Amino acid sequence: MFDSIFVDGSLQDYINKNVQDPWIGTSFQDYVFMSPKQKGEFGERFVSKYFEEKCSEVKRAKTSTAGHDRLIDGIMTEIKFSLATRDKKGGVKENQFIINHVSKDKDWERLVFFGINPTEEECRFFWFTKDDFIQHLKSDECVFAPQQGGKSIGNDDYICTKIDKLKSMSFVKSLDQW
């Protein structure tokens, strides 16, 4: 039925241009093709393994609906993980990450972020406390914005794309300060 619509190849060309994987040949190959839920689970597993290698005690949250992802050293931890975003012209946009779906009303104590660049030395790893996040939301220099319906519908869901600016703020800590 659709064969005639695809006959000139333009639609298949469009698909092919938009499914490129800039991580081919790396440990993150094919990550871009996973669903958002799968990416979230992958990020949680990745961060868990990182902390386990640093001899931290890591446990899954008691339920899948808990407001945190893991207990790391007994601390309720929300995990955010992002590969550098894809460049439409090919490759990745280094240092371009997204932290999304951060809520002040969920039961986390610390949020840990892992932003993966093509070179390990350029990755972004840091954390901050929920109390500092709530205070930051009230500041004039807030880098988080309401996500989805946002403030207009009372949605407690925030997004940040200014990762390097966030990382430079005084309340953000490096992983060696865990």
Protein backbone atom coordinates (compact mmCIF):
# COMPACT_ATOMS: atom_id res chain seq x y z
CA MET A 1 0.00 0.00 0.00
CA PHE A 2 2.80 2.45 0.86
CA ASP A 3 5.32 1.32 -1.74
CA SER A 4 4.50 4.17 -4.12
CA ILE A 5 5.06 6.76 -1.36
CA PHE A 6 8.58 5.42 -0.74
CA VAL A 7 9.54 4.88 -4.38
CA ASP A 8 11.62 8.07 -4.78
CA GLY A 9 13.73 7.21 -1.71
CA SER A 10 13.33 10.59 0.01
CA LEU A 11 11.48 9.18 3.01
CA GLN A 12 14.04 6.42 3.55
CA ASP A 13 16.81 9.02 3.17
CA TYR A 14 15.16 11.06 5.92
CA ILE A 15 15.04 8.03 8.23
CA ASN A 16 18.66 7.14 7.50
CA LYS A 17 19.85 10.69 8.24
CA ASN A 18 18.09 10.66 11.61
CA VAL A 19 19.13 7.28 12.98
CA GLN A 20 22.88 7.77 12.91
CA ASP A 21 24.77 6.51 15.94
CA PRO A 22 27.71 8.78 16.79
CA TRP A 23 28.86 6.25 19.40
CA ILE A 24 29.73 3.45 16.94
CA GLY A 25 32.91 1.72 18.05
CA THR A 26 32.53 2.79 21.69
CA SER A 27 31.05 1.10 24.74
CA PHE A 28 27.91 3.20 24.18
CA GLN A 29 27.18 1.92 20.66
CA ASP A 30 23.41 1.51 20.05
CA TYR A 31 22.47 3.40 23.25
CA VAL A 32 20.77 6.06 21.09
CA PHE A 33 18.27 3.48 19.85
CA MET A 34 16.94 2.53 23.30
CA SER A 35 13.65 3.87 24.65
CA PRO A 36 13.74 6.61 27.30
CA LYS A 37 12.86 4.05 29.99
CA GLN A 38 15.68 1.75 28.85
CA LYS A 39 18.12 4.68 28.80
CA GLY A 40 17.11 5.57 32.35
CA GLU A 41 17.67 2.01 33.55
CA PHE A 42 21.02 1.87 31.72
CA GLY A 43 22.12 5.10 33.41
CA GLU A 44 21.13 3.78 36.83
CA ARG A 45 23.09 0.58 36.21
CA PHE A 46 26.12 2.49 34.91
CA VAL A 47 26.23 4.84 37.90
CA SER A 48 25.66 1.93 40.30
CA LYS A 49 28.63 0.06 38.84
CA TYR A 50 30.76 3.22 39.07
CA PHE A 51 30.00 3.63 42.78
CA GLU A 52 30.46 -0.09 43.46
CA GLU A 53 33.94 0.13 41.91
CA LYS A 54 34.65 2.98 44.36
CA CYS A 55 33.64 0.60 47.19
CA SER A 56 30.34 2.31 47.91
CA GLU A 57 27.37 0.25 49.02
CA VAL A 58 24.65 0.46 46.36
CA LYS A 59 21.11 -0.85 46.72
CA ARG A 60 18.09 -0.47 44.45
CA ALA A 61 15.21 1.60 45.78
CA LYS A 62 12.64 -0.52 47.62
CA THR A 63 10.04 0.00 44.90
CA SER A 64 10.08 1.09 41.27
CA THR A 65 7.82 4.01 42.22
CA ALA A 66 10.11 5.36 44.94
CA GLY A 67 11.18 8.97 44.45
CA HIS A 68 14.84 7.96 44.20
CA ASP A 69 16.74 5.40 42.13
CA ARG A 70 19.32 3.92 44.49
CA LEU A 71 20.57 4.00 48.05
CA ILE A 72 24.26 4.81 47.73
CA ASP A 73 26.08 4.54 51.04
CA GLY A 74 22.65 4.77 52.69
CA ILE A 75 21.79 8.04 50.88
CA MET A 76 18.60 8.19 48.79
CA THR A 77 20.05 9.09 45.40
CA GLU A 78 18.36 10.27 42.22
CA ILE A 79 20.47 9.32 39.20
CA LYS A 80 20.63 11.36 36.00
CA PHE A 81 22.70 10.14 33.08
CA SER A 82 23.18 11.62 29.62
CA LEU A 83 25.35 11.02 26.62
CA ALA A 84 26.40 14.19 24.81
CA THR A 85 23.57 15.02 22.42
CA ARG A 86 23.75 14.06 18.77
CA ASP A 87 24.72 16.68 16.23
CA LYS A 88 22.33 16.63 13.28
CA LYS A 89 25.34 17.01 11.00
CA GLY A 90 26.95 13.89 12.49
CA GLY A 91 28.86 13.11 15.64
CA VAL A 92 28.01 14.62 18.98
CA LYS A 93 27.79 18.08 20.49
CA GLU A 94 30.38 17.78 23.23
CA ASN A 95 29.31 19.11 26.63
CA GLN A 96 25.67 19.31 25.53
CA PHE A 97 23.64 17.30 28.03
CA ILE A 98 20.16 17.23 29.46
CA ILE A 99 19.09 16.67 33.04
CA ASN A 100 15.34 16.20 33.01
CA HIS A 101 12.48 15.14 35.25
CA VAL A 102 13.97 16.50 38.47
CA SER A 103 11.33 16.89 41.17
CA LYS A 104 11.59 18.71 44.48
CA ASP A 105 8.70 16.69 45.93
CA LYS A 106 10.20 13.23 45.45
CA ASP A 107 12.10 11.51 48.26
CA TRP A 108 15.71 11.91 47.18
CA GLU A 109 18.53 13.39 49.25
CA ARG A 110 21.20 13.74 46.57
CA LEU A 111 21.13 13.90 42.80
CA VAL A 112 24.13 12.53 40.95
CA PHE A 113 24.74 13.42 37.30
CA PHE A 114 26.92 11.61 34.80
CA GLY A 115 27.37 13.38 31.45
CA ILE A 116 29.31 11.28 28.97
CA ASN A 117 31.46 12.91 26.28
CA PRO A 118 33.37 10.95 23.62
CA THR A 119 36.58 11.25 25.65
CA GLU A 120 36.49 10.07 29.25
CA GLU A 121 38.61 12.98 30.45
CA GLU A 122 35.92 15.43 29.28
CA CYS A 123 32.97 13.77 31.01
CA ARG A 124 30.89 15.66 33.57
CA PHE A 125 30.34 13.96 36.94
CA PHE A 126 28.89 15.78 39.94
CA TRP A 127 26.18 15.80 42.60
CA PHE A 128 24.12 18.16 44.74
CA THR A 129 21.63 17.90 47.57
CA LYS A 130 17.88 18.22 47.33
CA ASP A 131 17.93 21.14 49.81
CA ASP A 132 20.40 23.00 47.59
CA PHE A 133 18.28 22.23 44.51
CA ILE A 134 15.17 23.68 46.19
CA GLN A 135 17.07 26.83 47.18
CA HIS A 136 18.50 27.13 43.69
CA LEU A 137 15.00 27.03 42.16
CA LYS A 138 14.29 30.28 44.05
CA SER A 139 17.44 32.04 42.83
CA ASP A 140 17.69 34.61 40.06
CA GLU A 141 20.44 32.53 38.43
CA CYS A 142 18.44 29.30 38.29
CA VAL A 143 19.48 27.05 35.40
CA PHE A 144 16.49 24.71 35.80
CA ALA A 145 13.24 25.41 33.97
CA PRO A 146 9.79 23.91 34.43
CA GLN A 147 9.38 20.95 32.13
CA GLN A 148 6.32 19.79 30.19
CA GLY A 149 3.24 21.61 31.60
CA GLY A 150 5.45 23.42 34.09
CA LYS A 151 4.25 25.98 36.57
CA SER A 152 1.04 26.70 34.67
CA ILE A 153 -0.42 23.33 35.71
CA GLY A 154 1.42 22.89 39.00
CA ASN A 155 3.84 20.34 37.56
CA ASP A 156 6.85 19.66 39.79
CA ASP A 157 9.16 18.62 36.98
CA TYR A 158 12.33 20.50 36.01
CA ILE A 159 14.90 20.36 33.21
CA CYS A 160 18.42 21.74 32.82
CA THR A 161 20.47 22.04 29.62
CA LYS A 162 23.10 24.47 30.98
CA ILE A 163 25.21 21.75 32.53
CA ASP A 164 28.56 23.58 32.65
CA LYS A 165 26.91 26.59 34.27
CA LEU A 166 25.25 24.29 36.82
CA LYS A 167 28.54 22.48 37.45
CA SER A 168 30.26 25.78 38.29
CA MET A 169 27.76 26.71 41.01
CA SER A 170 28.94 26.65 44.62
CA PHE A 171 26.43 24.05 45.81
CA VAL A 172 27.48 21.49 43.18
CA LYS A 173 30.08 19.00 44.41
CA SER A 174 32.57 16.76 42.65
CA LEU A 175 32.30 13.01 43.11
CA ASP A 176 35.39 12.94 45.31
CA GLN A 177 33.31 14.94 47.83
CA TRP A 178 30.67 12.20 48.05
